[in-house]
Each structure stands twice: as C-alpha cells, then as structure tokens.
Amino acid sequence: MNKTLFFASLKANWKLLLGTFLVLAMYQSVIIGMYDPESVEAMKAMIEAFPEGMMSAFGYDLPANDLTGHMGTYLYGFLMLVFPLMYVVPAGNNLMAKHVDRGSMAYLLGTPNTRIRIARTQAVFFVSSTLLLFFSVVLFGMLMSESLFPGELIYGDYLLLNLVTVAVYMVLCGIAFLASCTFNESRGSIMAGLGIPGAFLIFKMMSAASDQLEGLKYATLFSLIDVPRIFEHSGYALLTSGILIAVSVLLFVLAIRIFNKRGLNI
C-alpha cells in the first residue's frame, strides 16, 4: 500500500465523507427524537395515514414496538439504504476512473508504483473510509439513543442490523470500484456505480409495494436487510454478512485484476 496515495485520497474525499455523515446523523436525530415509548400507537396511526403501497415501499409497515424496532423501521427501511450512496458512488469514481479521465493516472503510474499497488491502495482506502462512515453513524445512533432513551436500545439487535447493512454496502463498494477500474471515463463509472444500486433500490421498493411484484426481492441486495428476520435470527445476520463480505472481496480482486490488465487511454 502507498501511504502518500492513501492520504491524498483522504484529502480529496474527506468533505464528501463528512457531509454524508452529517446528513445521516441529522436523519438519525430526527427519527430517534420522534420515538415516544408512551405513544407508539399514535406513531403507527400517523404513518398509516399514508397510502398502504407507499408505506410498504419505504419499509414503514414493519413492527416498531420499541426503540430498536422504531429505528429498524424508520431508518433501515429506506434512509440508511439510500443516503450512504452519497459517499460510495462519487468516491468510487474519484479513486480510479476520475484519474484516468483527467489524465492524472499517468502521473501516478510514472512513480515507482505498479498498477496493482495503486489499485490496492485505493481499494483499501475505499473500504476503510466506508467502514469509518458506518462506524461513526452507528456510534452516533447509540449515543443519541442512550442520551434520549437510556436502556431502551437493544444493542445486540442494533449491531446485527448494522452488520448486514455494512456487508451489503461492501458489495456495493465492490461494484462501484469495479466500475471505476473498468471505465476510462467518469460518466460510465458513475452510471454503473449508481445505476446498479439504484436498480436494487427500485426493485426493493416495488417488491414491497405490490404482492404481484414480490419476486423482485430476489433481484436486489437490499432485500437482505430484512429487519424482522435479523432481529429474530442472529444466525441469518451472521451467515448473510459472511457471504456478502466474501462476494465483496471477489469484486475488489476482480476490479484490481481488470485494472492491471486493461489498456488505459492516458
């Protein structure tokens, strides 16, 4: 790994990382602040005022009888699936395709670094920065929950839910990095890096909104963030996370191999 390149990537992406964290922290504050252990039924009644299909599409039809269920429903039904893409998609493009597109990859390859070392460094940065984002968000959620509702959050369930979410995002990072290593232009990299997760999200919402489209849940990674199932079966969360992490490793390895072998327009 090249430390200079690693910290250069951090310097180029830290504002994006911080901005994404602040957006997620804001939504966490709002959702946690809306929880009232004395009026869970009132919250349900307010949500049920929305059309049934819309409620299901956004994951708001899940049981939320305590703070953990409340966060699982109103954060991990939609918000925590979408907003981390604010970092993953542009950062994935910035790390490889943008350098090729702008010609700065020629300068990187002119240093005593092989293609594999450059790609590996960028992959390590991408994974570590995304993990930092989720670690910060999870820690913030725990601190907010404890400060507002001491003892209400079930940490085991909350951490398992985030483990599966992080594992899904490791695969999405792998897809974004593969696109960045494959395309010479940022346009193609961003279209693939955003288009595939976007399709996953649409399939997830459509499968939840209509029984006739339920089969689409098998075409999206987001359906694996099954909040009730994760809370009921820790084995499901652990097995699913393990498989997803293995898939993400394969995607990153494939991306590095492709970058090492292909021709570059620089």
Protein backbone atom coordinates (compact mmCIF):
# COMPACT_ATOMS: atom_id res chain seq x y z
CA MET A 1 0.00 0.00 0.00
CA ASN A 2 1.17 3.53 -0.78
CA LYS A 3 0.64 5.82 2.24
CA THR A 4 1.07 9.00 0.21
CA LEU A 5 -1.68 7.99 -2.21
CA PHE A 6 -3.89 6.85 0.67
CA PHE A 7 -3.73 10.23 2.41
CA ALA A 8 -4.10 12.05 -0.92
CA SER A 9 -7.37 10.15 -1.43
CA LEU A 10 -8.43 11.06 2.10
CA LYS A 11 -7.70 14.73 1.41
CA ALA A 12 -9.73 14.58 -1.81
CA ASN A 13 -12.74 12.82 -0.26
CA TRP A 14 -12.95 13.90 3.39
CA LYS A 15 -15.54 16.63 2.73
CA LEU A 16 -17.75 14.12 0.93
CA LEU A 17 -17.31 11.66 3.80
CA LEU A 18 -18.09 14.26 6.45
CA GLY A 19 -21.08 15.62 4.53
CA THR A 20 -22.61 12.15 4.19
CA PHE A 21 -22.10 11.50 7.90
CA LEU A 22 -23.77 14.79 8.83
CA VAL A 23 -26.80 14.02 6.64
CA LEU A 24 -27.17 10.57 8.18
CA ALA A 25 -26.65 11.95 11.69
CA MET A 26 -29.35 14.55 11.08
CA TYR A 27 -31.86 11.92 9.97
CA GLN A 28 -30.92 9.70 12.91
CA SER A 29 -31.51 12.59 15.31
CA VAL A 30 -34.93 13.27 13.80
CA ILE A 31 -36.06 9.62 13.77
CA ILE A 32 -34.80 8.83 17.27
CA GLY A 33 -36.31 12.08 18.57
CA MET A 34 -39.70 11.07 17.12
CA TYR A 35 -39.80 7.93 19.24
CA ASP A 36 -42.10 8.08 22.25
CA PRO A 37 -42.41 4.89 24.32
CA GLU A 38 -45.73 6.19 25.69
CA SER A 39 -47.37 6.74 22.29
CA VAL A 40 -46.16 4.02 19.93
CA GLU A 41 -49.72 3.53 18.71
CA ALA A 42 -50.02 7.23 17.85
CA MET A 43 -46.90 6.97 15.69
CA LYS A 44 -48.36 3.94 13.92
CA ALA A 45 -51.61 5.80 13.31
CA MET A 46 -49.75 8.75 11.78
CA ILE A 47 -47.78 6.50 9.43
CA GLU A 48 -50.89 4.56 8.46
CA ALA A 49 -52.39 7.80 7.15
CA PHE A 50 -50.13 7.37 4.11
CA PRO A 51 -51.24 5.13 1.21
CA GLU A 52 -50.56 1.47 2.00
CA GLY A 53 -48.35 0.89 -1.06
CA MET A 54 -46.18 3.90 -0.22
CA MET A 55 -45.83 2.75 3.39
CA SER A 56 -44.67 -0.69 2.29
CA ALA A 57 -42.31 0.69 -0.37
CA PHE A 58 -40.46 2.73 2.23
CA GLY A 59 -40.44 -0.11 4.76
CA TYR A 60 -42.68 1.75 7.19
CA ASP A 61 -45.12 -1.15 7.59
CA LEU A 62 -42.74 -3.16 9.79
CA PRO A 63 -43.48 -3.66 13.51
CA ALA A 64 -41.95 -0.92 15.69
CA ASN A 65 -42.91 -1.69 19.28
CA ASP A 66 -39.71 -0.46 20.92
CA LEU A 67 -36.82 1.88 20.15
CA THR A 68 -34.82 -0.78 18.31
CA GLY A 69 -37.80 -1.68 16.12
CA HIS A 70 -38.54 2.01 15.62
CA MET A 71 -35.02 2.66 14.31
CA GLY A 72 -35.07 -0.52 12.23
CA THR A 73 -38.33 0.51 10.57
CA TYR A 74 -37.89 4.22 10.01
CA LEU A 75 -34.13 4.31 9.36
CA TYR A 76 -33.27 0.96 7.80
CA GLY A 77 -36.45 0.64 5.76
CA PHE A 78 -35.23 3.34 3.36
CA LEU A 79 -32.98 6.14 4.66
CA MET A 80 -29.96 4.01 5.57
CA LEU A 81 -30.24 2.24 2.24
CA VAL A 82 -30.14 5.39 0.15
CA PHE A 83 -28.03 8.09 1.78
CA PRO A 84 -24.72 6.20 2.12
CA LEU A 85 -24.74 6.16 -1.69
CA MET A 86 -23.98 9.89 -1.45
CA TYR A 87 -20.46 8.84 -0.49
CA VAL A 88 -20.00 5.44 -2.12
CA VAL A 89 -20.85 6.39 -5.72
CA PRO A 90 -18.75 9.58 -6.15
CA ALA A 91 -15.88 8.28 -4.00
CA GLY A 92 -15.71 5.07 -6.00
CA ASN A 93 -15.46 7.09 -9.21
CA ASN A 94 -12.91 9.53 -7.77
CA LEU A 95 -10.47 6.80 -6.78
CA MET A 96 -9.78 5.33 -10.24
CA ALA A 97 -11.89 6.41 -13.23
CA LYS A 98 -11.57 10.12 -12.49
CA HIS A 99 -7.76 9.84 -12.53
CA VAL A 100 -7.87 8.08 -15.90
CA ASP A 101 -10.44 10.53 -17.28
CA ARG A 102 -8.40 13.58 -16.28
CA GLY A 103 -5.03 12.10 -17.22
CA SER A 104 -3.61 12.19 -13.68
CA MET A 105 -3.29 8.39 -13.72
CA ALA A 106 -0.28 8.86 -16.00
CA TYR A 107 1.50 10.71 -13.19
CA LEU A 108 0.63 8.00 -10.68
CA LEU A 109 1.94 5.29 -12.99
CA GLY A 110 5.07 7.38 -13.55
CA THR A 111 6.00 6.91 -9.89
CA PRO A 112 7.70 3.72 -8.66
CA ASN A 113 4.31 2.08 -8.09
CA THR A 114 2.76 -0.77 -10.03
CA ARG A 115 -0.83 -0.73 -11.20
CA ILE A 116 -1.68 -3.36 -8.62
CA ARG A 117 -0.21 -1.30 -5.79
CA ILE A 118 -2.14 1.79 -6.87
CA ALA A 119 -5.42 -0.08 -7.22
CA ARG A 120 -4.89 -1.95 -3.96
CA THR A 121 -4.21 1.29 -2.09
CA GLN A 122 -7.37 2.87 -3.47
CA ALA A 123 -9.38 -0.24 -2.59
CA VAL A 124 -8.08 -0.19 0.99
CA PHE A 125 -8.96 3.49 1.28
CA PHE A 126 -12.44 2.90 -0.13
CA VAL A 127 -13.23 0.06 2.25
CA SER A 128 -11.71 1.72 5.34
CA SER A 129 -13.39 5.09 4.70
CA THR A 130 -16.79 3.44 4.14
CA LEU A 131 -16.36 1.42 7.33
CA LEU A 132 -15.44 4.63 9.15
CA LEU A 133 -18.63 6.24 7.86
CA PHE A 134 -20.81 3.40 9.15
CA PHE A 135 -18.90 3.11 12.43
CA SER A 136 -19.46 6.82 13.07
CA VAL A 137 -23.15 6.60 12.17
CA VAL A 138 -23.72 3.53 14.34
CA LEU A 139 -21.86 5.09 17.29
CA PHE A 140 -23.84 8.31 16.89
CA GLY A 141 -27.09 6.35 16.87
CA MET A 142 -26.13 4.53 20.06
CA LEU A 143 -25.11 7.76 21.82
CA MET A 144 -28.30 9.53 20.74
CA SER A 145 -30.47 6.61 21.85
CA GLU A 146 -28.74 6.37 25.22
CA SER A 147 -28.95 10.10 25.86
CA LEU A 148 -32.65 10.39 24.97
CA PHE A 149 -33.94 6.96 25.99
CA PRO A 150 -31.48 5.27 28.38
CA GLY A 151 -31.66 1.48 28.32
CA GLU A 152 -34.26 1.35 25.53
CA LEU A 153 -31.97 0.28 22.66
CA ILE A 154 -31.24 -3.45 22.30
CA TYR A 155 -27.59 -3.25 21.30
CA GLY A 156 -27.28 -6.84 20.06
CA ASP A 157 -30.12 -6.45 17.55
CA TYR A 158 -28.97 -2.98 16.53
CA LEU A 159 -25.42 -4.14 15.85
CA LEU A 160 -26.57 -7.20 13.88
CA LEU A 161 -28.79 -4.97 11.75
CA ASN A 162 -25.85 -2.71 11.00
CA LEU A 163 -23.58 -5.68 10.33
CA VAL A 164 -25.86 -6.81 7.49
CA THR A 165 -26.22 -3.23 6.23
CA VAL A 166 -22.45 -2.75 6.17
CA ALA A 167 -21.99 -6.10 4.40
CA VAL A 168 -24.49 -5.06 1.72
CA TYR A 169 -22.60 -1.81 1.29
CA MET A 170 -19.29 -3.63 1.00
CA VAL A 171 -20.75 -5.36 -2.08
CA LEU A 172 -21.98 -2.01 -3.42
CA CYS A 173 -18.49 -0.60 -2.84
CA GLY A 174 -17.09 -3.55 -4.78
CA ILE A 175 -19.48 -2.82 -7.66
CA ALA A 176 -18.59 0.89 -7.67
CA PHE A 177 -14.85 0.11 -7.55
CA LEU A 178 -15.18 -2.46 -10.33
CA ALA A 179 -16.93 0.13 -12.49
CA SER A 180 -14.24 2.68 -11.68
CA CYS A 181 -11.50 0.23 -12.67
CA THR A 182 -13.29 -0.78 -15.87
CA PHE A 183 -14.30 2.53 -17.45
CA ASN A 184 -11.93 5.17 -18.81
CA GLU A 185 -14.50 7.95 -18.34
CA SER A 186 -16.17 9.14 -15.17
CA ARG A 187 -19.53 9.14 -16.94
CA GLY A 188 -19.52 5.37 -17.45
CA SER A 189 -18.17 4.72 -13.97
CA ILE A 190 -20.85 6.83 -12.27
CA MET A 191 -23.65 5.41 -14.42
CA ALA A 192 -22.72 1.84 -13.46
CA GLY A 193 -21.86 2.69 -9.85
CA LEU A 194 -25.16 4.49 -9.33
CA GLY A 195 -27.34 2.60 -11.78
CA ILE A 196 -26.91 -0.85 -10.23
CA PRO A 197 -27.64 0.23 -6.61
CA GLY A 198 -30.46 2.42 -7.98
CA ALA A 199 -32.00 -0.61 -9.68
CA PHE A 200 -31.61 -2.60 -6.44
CA LEU A 201 -33.47 0.13 -4.56
CA ILE A 202 -36.29 0.33 -7.12
CA PHE A 203 -36.71 -3.45 -7.12
CA LYS A 204 -36.82 -3.45 -3.33
CA MET A 205 -39.50 -0.77 -3.21
CA MET A 206 -41.58 -2.37 -5.97
CA SER A 207 -41.44 -5.82 -4.38
CA ALA A 208 -42.58 -4.37 -1.05
CA ALA A 209 -45.33 -2.20 -2.53
CA SER A 210 -47.12 -4.92 -4.54
CA ASP A 211 -47.70 -8.63 -3.93
CA GLN A 212 -47.64 -9.18 -7.70
CA LEU A 213 -44.06 -7.89 -7.83
CA GLU A 214 -42.84 -9.68 -4.72
CA GLY A 215 -40.48 -11.82 -6.81
CA LEU A 216 -38.33 -8.74 -7.46
CA LYS A 217 -36.98 -9.04 -3.92
CA TYR A 218 -34.72 -11.81 -5.22
CA ALA A 219 -33.14 -9.33 -7.66
CA THR A 220 -31.97 -6.82 -5.05
CA LEU A 221 -29.36 -6.90 -2.30
CA PHE A 222 -31.43 -4.53 -0.19
CA SER A 223 -34.00 -7.25 0.48
CA LEU A 224 -31.31 -8.96 2.57
CA ILE A 225 -31.65 -6.16 5.12
CA ASP A 226 -34.72 -7.92 6.47
CA VAL A 227 -35.22 -6.16 9.80
CA PRO A 228 -37.68 -8.60 11.49
CA ARG A 229 -35.66 -11.63 10.37
CA ILE A 230 -32.39 -10.13 11.59
CA PHE A 231 -33.94 -9.38 14.99
CA GLU A 232 -35.42 -12.89 15.27
CA HIS A 233 -32.49 -14.94 13.94
CA SER A 234 -28.93 -13.85 14.65
CA GLY A 235 -27.71 -16.80 12.56
CA TYR A 236 -29.34 -15.27 9.47
CA ALA A 237 -27.49 -12.00 10.04
CA LEU A 238 -24.13 -13.69 10.55
CA LEU A 239 -24.45 -16.06 7.59
CA THR A 240 -25.74 -13.35 5.23
CA SER A 241 -22.98 -10.94 6.27
CA GLY A 242 -20.29 -13.58 5.77
CA ILE A 243 -21.49 -14.40 2.25
CA LEU A 244 -21.78 -10.74 1.30
CA ILE A 245 -18.29 -9.93 2.56
CA ALA A 246 -16.88 -12.85 0.56
CA VAL A 247 -18.64 -11.53 -2.56
CA SER A 248 -17.26 -8.04 -1.94
CA VAL A 249 -13.71 -9.41 -1.66
CA LEU A 250 -14.13 -11.18 -5.00
CA LEU A 251 -15.40 -7.96 -6.61
CA PHE A 252 -12.41 -5.97 -5.38
CA VAL A 253 -9.97 -8.67 -6.51
CA LEU A 254 -11.63 -8.77 -9.93
CA ALA A 255 -11.50 -4.96 -10.17
CA ILE A 256 -7.77 -4.88 -9.40
CA ARG A 257 -7.06 -7.63 -11.95
CA ILE A 258 -9.05 -5.81 -14.64
CA PHE A 259 -7.24 -2.54 -13.96
CA ASN A 260 -3.89 -4.32 -14.08
CA LYS A 261 -4.56 -5.98 -17.45
CA ARG A 262 -6.54 -3.46 -19.47
CA GLY A 263 -5.35 -0.69 -21.74
CA LEU A 264 -5.59 2.88 -20.48
CA ASN A 265 -6.32 6.00 -22.50
CA ILE A 266 -3.76 8.22 -20.80
